[in-house]
Amino acid sequence: MNDVPSQPMLSKLFRLQWEEAQQRYVLLYPEGMVKLNLSAAEILKRCNGERDAAAIARDIEATFALNGLAGDVRDFLEVANERGWIH
């Protein structure tokens, strides 16, 4: 698997937005759309190039009163990086 960028940022090829018709967040790109689950959307919303994976996980844990998400966040970011969603 690819490494996670040190401070992941959404690729300029994609736009994250709420899609009312889908009732979910989606990633839009020139060839189509990726429907995201809530967890994926929450992680990608925080990929602003200013936080590392651990900080993203801590923010989500604080927002949703959860613990132990660091591994799951990192795993998702590895997949997102492989798919070119982040850099």
PDB file of N, CA and C in Angstrom:
ATOM      1  N   MET A   1       0.835  -1.194   0.000  1.00  0.00           N
ATOM      2  CA  MET A   1       0.000   0.000   0.000  1.00  0.00           C
ATOM      3  C   MET A   1       0.874   1.250   0.000  1.00  0.00           C
ATOM      4  N   ASN A   2       0.293   2.304  -0.528  1.00  0.00           N
ATOM      5  CA  ASN A   2       0.992   3.579  -0.532  1.00  0.00           C
ATOM      6  C   ASN A   2       0.995   4.176   0.859  1.00  0.00           C
ATOM      7  N   ASP A   3       1.959   5.030   1.080  1.00  0.00           N
ATOM      8  CA  ASP A   3       1.997   5.756   2.336  1.00  0.00           C
ATOM      9  C   ASP A   3       0.932   6.838   2.325  1.00  0.00           C
ATOM     10  N   VAL A   4       0.613   7.300   3.501  1.00  0.00           N
ATOM     11  CA  VAL A   4      -0.316   8.428   3.641  1.00  0.00           C
ATOM     12  C   VAL A   4       0.510   9.703   3.576  1.00  0.00           C
ATOM     13  N   PRO A   5       0.077  10.687   2.779  1.00  0.00           N
ATOM     14  CA  PRO A   5       0.806  11.966   2.768  1.00  0.00           C
ATOM     15  C   PRO A   5       0.882  12.537   4.180  1.00  0.00           C
ATOM     16  N   SER A   6       1.958  13.259   4.483  1.00  0.00           N
ATOM     17  CA  SER A   6       2.143  13.759   5.849  1.00  0.00           C
ATOM     18  C   SER A   6       1.026  14.712   6.266  1.00  0.00           C
ATOM     19  N   GLN A   7       0.540  15.512   5.353  1.00  0.00           N
ATOM     20  CA  GLN A   7      -0.591  16.407   5.627  1.00  0.00           C
ATOM     21  C   GLN A   7      -1.532  16.318   4.429  1.00  0.00           C
ATOM     22  N   PRO A   8      -2.381  15.273   4.417  1.00  0.00           N
ATOM     23  CA  PRO A   8      -3.202  15.010   3.240  1.00  0.00           C
ATOM     24  C   PRO A   8      -4.107  16.177   2.860  1.00  0.00           C
ATOM     25  N   MET A   9      -4.269  16.313   1.548  1.00  0.00           N
ATOM     26  CA  MET A   9      -5.090  17.378   0.988  1.00  0.00           C
ATOM     27  C   MET A   9      -5.880  16.793  -0.173  1.00  0.00           C
ATOM     28  N   LEU A  10      -7.141  17.182  -0.295  1.00  0.00           N
ATOM     29  CA  LEU A  10      -7.970  16.706  -1.392  1.00  0.00           C
ATOM     30  C   LEU A  10      -7.359  17.134  -2.722  1.00  0.00           C
ATOM     31  N   SER A  11      -7.272  16.204  -3.656  1.00  0.00           N
ATOM     32  CA  SER A  11      -6.729  16.502  -4.980  1.00  0.00           C
ATOM     33  C   SER A  11      -7.614  17.527  -5.688  1.00  0.00           C
ATOM     34  N   LYS A  12      -6.998  18.379  -6.474  1.00  0.00           N
ATOM     35  CA  LYS A  12      -7.738  19.406  -7.220  1.00  0.00           C
ATOM     36  C   LYS A  12      -8.637  18.798  -8.283  1.00  0.00           C
ATOM     37  N   LEU A  13      -8.445  17.523  -8.610  1.00  0.00           N
ATOM     38  CA  LEU A  13      -9.293  16.846  -9.591  1.00  0.00           C
ATOM     39  C   LEU A  13     -10.663  16.482  -9.025  1.00  0.00           C
ATOM     40  N   PHE A  14     -10.799  16.556  -7.701  1.00  0.00           N
ATOM     41  CA  PHE A  14     -12.030  16.147  -7.042  1.00  0.00           C
ATOM     42  C   PHE A  14     -12.641  17.297  -6.261  1.00  0.00           C
ATOM     43  N   ARG A  15     -13.964  17.270  -6.153  1.00  0.00           N
ATOM     44  CA  ARG A  15     -14.674  18.251  -5.329  1.00  0.00           C
ATOM     45  C   ARG A  15     -15.600  17.489  -4.399  1.00  0.00           C
ATOM     46  N   LEU A  16     -15.450  17.721  -3.118  1.00  0.00           N
ATOM     47  CA  LEU A  16     -16.290  17.103  -2.098  1.00  0.00           C
ATOM     48  C   LEU A  16     -17.493  18.002  -1.869  1.00  0.00           C
ATOM     49  N   GLN A  17     -18.697  17.426  -1.994  1.00  0.00           N
ATOM     50  CA  GLN A  17     -19.885  18.240  -1.743  1.00  0.00           C
ATOM     51  C   GLN A  17     -21.044  17.361  -1.303  1.00  0.00           C
ATOM     52  N   TRP A  18     -21.987  17.996  -0.596  1.00  0.00           N
ATOM     53  CA  TRP A  18     -23.233  17.332  -0.211  1.00  0.00           C
ATOM     54  C   TRP A  18     -24.123  17.290  -1.440  1.00  0.00           C
ATOM     55  N   GLU A  19     -24.620  16.128  -1.758  1.00  0.00           N
ATOM     56  CA  GLU A  19     -25.504  15.948  -2.904  1.00  0.00           C
ATOM     57  C   GLU A  19     -26.904  15.665  -2.365  1.00  0.00           C
ATOM     58  N   GLU A  20     -27.747  16.658  -2.458  1.00  0.00           N
ATOM     59  CA  GLU A  20     -29.098  16.554  -1.899  1.00  0.00           C
ATOM     60  C   GLU A  20     -29.853  15.365  -2.492  1.00  0.00           C
ATOM     61  N   ALA A  21     -29.751  15.177  -3.800  1.00  0.00           N
ATOM     62  CA  ALA A  21     -30.472  14.081  -4.454  1.00  0.00           C
ATOM     63  C   ALA A  21     -30.025  12.715  -3.931  1.00  0.00           C
ATOM     64  N   GLN A  22     -28.750  12.608  -3.558  1.00  0.00           N
ATOM     65  CA  GLN A  22     -28.207  11.348  -3.042  1.00  0.00           C
ATOM     66  C   GLN A  22     -28.341  11.244  -1.520  1.00  0.00           C
ATOM     67  N   GLN A  23     -28.582  12.387  -0.869  1.00  0.00           N
ATOM     68  CA  GLN A  23     -28.628  12.462   0.593  1.00  0.00           C
ATOM     69  C   GLN A  23     -27.322  11.939   1.203  1.00  0.00           C
ATOM     70  N   ARG A  24     -26.222  12.368   0.599  1.00  0.00           N
ATOM     71  CA  ARG A  24     -24.900  11.977   1.087  1.00  0.00           C
ATOM     72  C   ARG A  24     -23.854  12.868   0.463  1.00  0.00           C
ATOM     73  N   TYR A  25     -22.647  12.807   1.040  1.00  0.00           N
ATOM     74  CA  TYR A  25     -21.514  13.492   0.430  1.00  0.00           C
ATOM     75  C   TYR A  25     -21.015  12.662  -0.748  1.00  0.00           C
ATOM     76  N   VAL A  26     -20.529  13.368  -1.746  1.00  0.00           N
ATOM     77  CA  VAL A  26     -19.964  12.718  -2.916  1.00  0.00           C
ATOM     78  C   VAL A  26     -18.660  13.416  -3.287  1.00  0.00           C
ATOM     79  N   LEU A  27     -17.830  12.701  -4.009  1.00  0.00           N
ATOM     80  CA  LEU A  27     -16.635  13.272  -4.628  1.00  0.00           C
ATOM     81  C   LEU A  27     -16.955  13.385  -6.109  1.00  0.00           C
ATOM     82  N   LEU A  28     -16.952  14.595  -6.605  1.00  0.00           N
ATOM     83  CA  LEU A  28     -17.198  14.813  -8.027  1.00  0.00           C
ATOM     84  C   LEU A  28     -15.874  14.955  -8.757  1.00  0.00           C
ATOM     85  N   TYR A  29     -15.802  14.394  -9.947  1.00  0.00           N
ATOM     86  CA  TYR A  29     -14.626  14.528 -10.798  1.00  0.00           C
ATOM     87  C   TYR A  29     -15.113  14.515 -12.243  1.00  0.00           C
ATOM     88  N   PRO A  30     -14.273  14.915 -13.191  1.00  0.00           N
ATOM     89  CA  PRO A  30     -14.749  15.080 -14.569  1.00  0.00           C
ATOM     90  C   PRO A  30     -15.452  13.852 -15.156  1.00  0.00           C
ATOM     91  N   GLU A  31     -15.034  12.659 -14.797  1.00  0.00           N
ATOM     92  CA  GLU A  31     -15.610  11.444 -15.379  1.00  0.00           C
ATOM     93  C   GLU A  31     -16.790  10.902 -14.593  1.00  0.00           C
ATOM     94  N   GLY A  32     -17.114  11.490 -13.432  1.00  0.00           N
ATOM     95  CA  GLY A  32     -18.216  10.927 -12.670  1.00  0.00           C
ATOM     96  C   GLY A  32     -18.277  11.377 -11.235  1.00  0.00           C
ATOM     97  N   MET A  33     -18.732  10.448 -10.389  1.00  0.00           N
ATOM     98  CA  MET A  33     -19.002  10.755  -8.997  1.00  0.00           C
ATOM     99  C   MET A  33     -18.741   9.511  -8.151  1.00  0.00           C
ATOM    100  N   VAL A  34     -18.195   9.728  -6.961  1.00  0.00           N
ATOM    101  CA  VAL A  34     -17.993   8.667  -5.977  1.00  0.00           C
ATOM    102  C   VAL A  34     -18.911   8.969  -4.805  1.00  0.00           C
ATOM    103  N   LYS A  35     -19.806   8.043  -4.485  1.00  0.00           N
ATOM    104  CA  LYS A  35     -20.675   8.198  -3.323  1.00  0.00           C
ATOM    105  C   LYS A  35     -19.887   7.794  -2.081  1.00  0.00           C
ATOM    106  N   LEU A  36     -19.933   8.632  -1.059  1.00  0.00           N
ATOM    107  CA  LEU A  36     -19.167   8.389   0.166  1.00  0.00           C
ATOM    108  C   LEU A  36     -20.084   8.049   1.323  1.00  0.00           C
ATOM    109  N   ASN A  37     -19.594   7.175   2.194  1.00  0.00           N
ATOM    110  CA  ASN A  37     -20.325   6.977   3.443  1.00  0.00           C
ATOM    111  C   ASN A  37     -19.937   8.102   4.404  1.00  0.00           C
ATOM    112  N   LEU A  38     -20.620   8.189   5.519  1.00  0.00           N
ATOM    113  CA  LEU A  38     -20.398   9.285   6.460  1.00  0.00           C
ATOM    114  C   LEU A  38     -18.957   9.314   6.964  1.00  0.00           C
ATOM    115  N   SER A  39     -18.390   8.170   7.272  1.00  0.00           N
ATOM    116  CA  SER A  39     -17.019   8.125   7.788  1.00  0.00           C
ATOM    117  C   SER A  39     -16.016   8.672   6.769  1.00  0.00           C
ATOM    118  N   ALA A  40     -16.153   8.238   5.527  1.00  0.00           N
ATOM    119  CA  ALA A  40     -15.240   8.708   4.476  1.00  0.00           C
ATOM    120  C   ALA A  40     -15.366  10.217   4.292  1.00  0.00           C
ATOM    121  N   ALA A  41     -16.592  10.710   4.292  1.00  0.00           N
ATOM    122  CA  ALA A  41     -16.809  12.148   4.116  1.00  0.00           C
ATOM    123  C   ALA A  41     -16.193  12.940   5.262  1.00  0.00           C
ATOM    124  N   GLU A  42     -16.369  12.470   6.493  1.00  0.00           N
ATOM    125  CA  GLU A  42     -15.816  13.183   7.646  1.00  0.00           C
ATOM    126  C   GLU A  42     -14.293  13.235   7.584  1.00  0.00           C
ATOM    127  N   ILE A  43     -13.674  12.164   7.124  1.00  0.00           N
ATOM    128  CA  ILE A  43     -12.213  12.164   7.001  1.00  0.00           C
ATOM    129  C   ILE A  43     -11.794  13.125   5.892  1.00  0.00           C
ATOM    130  N   LEU A  44     -12.419  13.022   4.729  1.00  0.00           N
ATOM    131  CA  LEU A  44     -12.023  13.866   3.600  1.00  0.00           C
ATOM    132  C   LEU A  44     -12.282  15.343   3.863  1.00  0.00           C
ATOM    133  N   LYS A  45     -13.317  15.659   4.627  1.00  0.00           N
ATOM    134  CA  LYS A  45     -13.583  17.068   4.957  1.00  0.00           C
ATOM    135  C   LYS A  45     -12.416  17.679   5.719  1.00  0.00           C
ATOM    136  N   ARG A  46     -11.665  16.851   6.410  1.00  0.00           N
ATOM    137  CA  ARG A  46     -10.560  17.333   7.231  1.00  0.00           C
ATOM    138  C   ARG A  46      -9.214  17.299   6.504  1.00  0.00           C
ATOM    139  N   CYS A  47      -9.204  16.831   5.281  1.00  0.00           N
ATOM    140  CA  CYS A  47      -7.957  16.768   4.486  1.00  0.00           C
ATOM    141  C   CYS A  47      -7.730  18.128   3.824  1.00  0.00           C
ATOM    142  N   ASN A  48      -7.195  19.044   4.600  1.00  0.00           N
ATOM    143  CA  ASN A  48      -7.007  20.419   4.125  1.00  0.00           C
ATOM    144  C   ASN A  48      -5.538  20.802   3.981  1.00  0.00           C
ATOM    145  N   GLY A  49      -4.645  19.823   4.115  1.00  0.00           N
ATOM    146  CA  GLY A  49      -3.221  20.100   3.981  1.00  0.00           C
ATOM    147  C   GLY A  49      -2.587  20.693   5.226  1.00  0.00           C
ATOM    148  N   GLU A  50      -3.353  20.783   6.304  1.00  0.00           N
ATOM    149  CA  GLU A  50      -2.842  21.375   7.545  1.00  0.00           C
ATOM    150  C   GLU A  50      -2.719  20.375   8.686  1.00  0.00           C
ATOM    151  N   ARG A  51      -3.298  19.191   8.542  1.00  0.00           N
ATOM    152  CA  ARG A  51      -3.298  18.197   9.616  1.00  0.00           C
ATOM    153  C   ARG A  51      -2.747  16.879   9.114  1.00  0.00           C
ATOM    154  N   ASP A  52      -2.101  16.154  10.015  1.00  0.00           N
ATOM    155  CA  ASP A  52      -1.670  14.808   9.670  1.00  0.00           C
ATOM    156  C   ASP A  52      -2.782  13.824  10.035  1.00  0.00           C
ATOM    157  N   ALA A  53      -2.560  12.553   9.714  1.00  0.00           N
ATOM    158  CA  ALA A  53      -3.581  11.526   9.944  1.00  0.00           C
ATOM    159  C   ALA A  53      -3.984  11.453  11.419  1.00  0.00           C
ATOM    160  N   ALA A  54      -3.020  11.563  12.316  1.00  0.00           N
ATOM    161  CA  ALA A  54      -3.323  11.490  13.752  1.00  0.00           C
ATOM    162  C   ALA A  54      -4.211  12.653  14.189  1.00  0.00           C
ATOM    163  N   ALA A  55      -3.940  13.849  13.682  1.00  0.00           N
ATOM    164  CA  ALA A  55      -4.757  15.017  14.039  1.00  0.00           C
ATOM    165  C   ALA A  55      -6.163  14.890  13.469  1.00  0.00           C
ATOM    166  N   ILE A  56      -6.279  14.342  12.267  1.00  0.00           N
ATOM    167  CA  ILE A  56      -7.599  14.117  11.682  1.00  0.00           C
ATOM    168  C   ILE A  56      -8.382  13.141  12.561  1.00  0.00           C
ATOM    169  N   ALA A  57      -7.742  12.061  12.964  1.00  0.00           N
ATOM    170  CA  ALA A  57      -8.407  11.072  13.824  1.00  0.00           C
ATOM    171  C   ALA A  57      -8.818  11.698  15.150  1.00  0.00           C
ATOM    172  N   ARG A  58      -7.945  12.484  15.762  1.00  0.00           N
ATOM    173  CA  ARG A  58      -8.288  13.129  17.039  1.00  0.00           C
ATOM    174  C   ARG A  58      -9.480  14.064  16.889  1.00  0.00           C
ATOM    175  N   ASP A  59      -9.530  14.805  15.789  1.00  0.00           N
ATOM    176  CA  ASP A  59     -10.638  15.728  15.565  1.00  0.00           C
ATOM    177  C   ASP A  59     -11.956  14.973  15.409  1.00  0.00           C
ATOM    178  N   ILE A  60     -11.946  13.885  14.658  1.00  0.00           N
ATOM    179  CA  ILE A  60     -13.161  13.085  14.486  1.00  0.00           C
ATOM    180  C   ILE A  60     -13.574  12.462  15.812  1.00  0.00           C
ATOM    181  N   GLU A  61     -12.604  11.955  16.565  1.00  0.00           N
ATOM    182  CA  GLU A  61     -12.915  11.373  17.883  1.00  0.00           C
ATOM    183  C   GLU A  61     -13.559  12.406  18.788  1.00  0.00           C
ATOM    184  N   ALA A  62     -13.035  13.627  18.791  1.00  0.00           N
ATOM    185  CA  ALA A  62     -13.592  14.688  19.641  1.00  0.00           C
ATOM    186  C   ALA A  62     -14.990  15.094  19.159  1.00  0.00           C
ATOM    187  N   THR A  63     -15.175  15.199  17.858  1.00  0.00           N
ATOM    188  CA  THR A  63     -16.460  15.620  17.294  1.00  0.00           C
ATOM    189  C   THR A  63     -17.563  14.620  17.598  1.00  0.00           C
ATOM    190  N   PHE A  64     -17.260  13.335  17.507  1.00  0.00           N
ATOM    191  CA  PHE A  64     -18.274  12.297  17.648  1.00  0.00           C
ATOM    192  C   PHE A  64     -18.169  11.514  18.961  1.00  0.00           C
ATOM    193  N   ALA A  65     -17.351  11.989  19.903  1.00  0.00           N
ATOM    194  CA  ALA A  65     -17.170  11.341  21.206  1.00  0.00           C
ATOM    195  C   ALA A  65     -16.838   9.853  21.032  1.00  0.00           C
ATOM    196  N   LEU A  66     -15.819   9.595  20.211  1.00  0.00           N
ATOM    197  CA  LEU A  66     -15.362   8.235  19.960  1.00  0.00           C
ATOM    198  C   LEU A  66     -13.895   8.116  20.327  1.00  0.00           C
ATOM    199  N   ASN A  67     -13.393   6.891  20.388  1.00  0.00           N
ATOM    200  CA  ASN A  67     -11.986   6.633  20.671  1.00  0.00           C
ATOM    201  C   ASN A  67     -11.456   5.551  19.755  1.00  0.00           C
ATOM    202  N   GLY A  68     -10.153   5.533  19.563  1.00  0.00           N
ATOM    203  CA  GLY A  68      -9.495   4.450  18.848  1.00  0.00           C
ATOM    204  C   GLY A  68      -9.670   4.450  17.340  1.00  0.00           C
ATOM    205  N   LEU A  69      -9.816   5.623  16.727  1.00  0.00           N
ATOM    206  CA  LEU A  69     -10.046   5.681  15.287  1.00  0.00           C
ATOM    207  C   LEU A  69      -8.779   5.855  14.453  1.00  0.00           C
ATOM    208  N   ALA A  70      -7.643   6.040  15.078  1.00  0.00           N
ATOM    209  CA  ALA A  70      -6.406   6.356  14.348  1.00  0.00           C
ATOM    210  C   ALA A  70      -6.091   5.328  13.262  1.00  0.00           C
ATOM    211  N   GLY A  71      -6.196   4.063  13.566  1.00  0.00           N
ATOM    212  CA  GLY A  71      -5.897   3.014  12.585  1.00  0.00           C
ATOM    213  C   GLY A  71      -6.869   3.027  11.414  1.00  0.00           C
ATOM    214  N   ASP A  72      -8.143   3.188  11.718  1.00  0.00           N
ATOM    215  CA  ASP A  72      -9.158   3.224  10.658  1.00  0.00           C
ATOM    216  C   ASP A  72      -8.972   4.442   9.757  1.00  0.00           C
ATOM    217  N   VAL A  73      -8.668   5.587  10.357  1.00  0.00           N
ATOM    218  CA  VAL A  73      -8.443   6.807   9.571  1.00  0.00           C
ATOM    219  C   VAL A  73      -7.231   6.608   8.667  1.00  0.00           C
ATOM    220  N   ARG A  74      -6.172   6.069   9.219  1.00  0.00           N
ATOM    221  CA  ARG A  74      -4.957   5.849   8.428  1.00  0.00           C
ATOM    222  C   ARG A  74      -5.236   4.869   7.282  1.00  0.00           C
ATOM    223  N   ASP A  75      -5.965   3.789   7.561  1.00  0.00           N
ATOM    224  CA  ASP A  75      -6.299   2.814   6.517  1.00  0.00           C
ATOM    225  C   ASP A  75      -7.087   3.475   5.390  1.00  0.00           C
ATOM    226  N   PHE A  76      -8.081   4.296   5.759  1.00  0.00           N
ATOM    227  CA  PHE A  76      -8.868   4.979   4.739  1.00  0.00           C
ATOM    228  C   PHE A  76      -7.994   5.930   3.925  1.00  0.00           C
ATOM    229  N   LEU A  77      -7.130   6.669   4.598  1.00  0.00           N
ATOM    230  CA  LEU A  77      -6.267   7.614   3.891  1.00  0.00           C
ATOM    231  C   LEU A  77      -5.324   6.896   2.925  1.00  0.00           C
ATOM    232  N   GLU A  78      -4.880   5.701   3.263  1.00  0.00           N
ATOM    233  CA  GLU A  78      -4.050   4.918   2.339  1.00  0.00           C
ATOM    234  C   GLU A  78      -4.833   4.596   1.073  1.00  0.00           C
ATOM    235  N   VAL A  79      -6.094   4.178   1.235  1.00  0.00           N
ATOM    236  CA  VAL A  79      -6.943   3.868   0.082  1.00  0.00           C
ATOM    237  C   VAL A  79      -7.223   5.131  -0.729  1.00  0.00           C
ATOM    238  N   ALA A  80      -7.547   6.219  -0.045  1.00  0.00           N
ATOM    239  CA  ALA A  80      -7.820   7.486  -0.731  1.00  0.00           C
ATOM    240  C   ALA A  80      -6.596   7.948  -1.519  1.00  0.00           C
ATOM    241  N   ASN A  81      -5.420   7.738  -0.958  1.00  0.00           N
ATOM    242  CA  ASN A  81      -4.187   8.110  -1.650  1.00  0.00           C
ATOM    243  C   ASN A  81      -3.981   7.238  -2.887  1.00  0.00           C
ATOM    244  N   GLU A  82      -4.206   5.931  -2.763  1.00  0.00           N
ATOM    245  CA  GLU A  82      -4.080   5.017  -3.896  1.00  0.00           C
ATOM    246  C   GLU A  82      -5.028   5.410  -5.029  1.00  0.00           C
ATOM    247  N   ARG A  83      -6.215   5.877  -4.677  1.00  0.00           N
ATOM    248  CA  ARG A  83      -7.223   6.247  -5.683  1.00  0.00           C
ATOM    249  C   ARG A  83      -7.031   7.661  -6.223  1.00  0.00           C
ATOM    250  N   GLY A  84      -6.051   8.370  -5.678  1.00  0.00           N
ATOM    251  CA  GLY A  84      -5.748   9.710  -6.160  1.00  0.00           C
ATOM    252  C   GLY A  84      -6.673  10.785  -5.626  1.00  0.00           C
ATOM    253  N   TRP A  85      -7.460  10.469  -4.598  1.00  0.00           N
ATOM    254  CA  TRP A  85      -8.377  11.451  -4.024  1.00  0.00           C
ATOM    255  C   TRP A  85      -7.636  12.496  -3.226  1.00  0.00           C
ATOM    256  N   ILE A  86      -6.513  12.107  -2.629  1.00  0.00           N
ATOM    257  CA  ILE A  86      -5.708  13.026  -1.817  1.00  0.00           C
ATOM    258  C   ILE A  86      -4.275  12.994  -2.313  1.00  0.00           C
ATOM    259  N   HIS A  87      -3.512  13.982  -1.897  1.00  0.00           N
ATOM    260  CA  HIS A  87      -2.069  13.986  -2.183  1.00  0.00           C
ATOM    261  C   HIS A  87      -1.369  14.645  -1.012  1.00  0.00           C
TER     262      HIS A  87
END
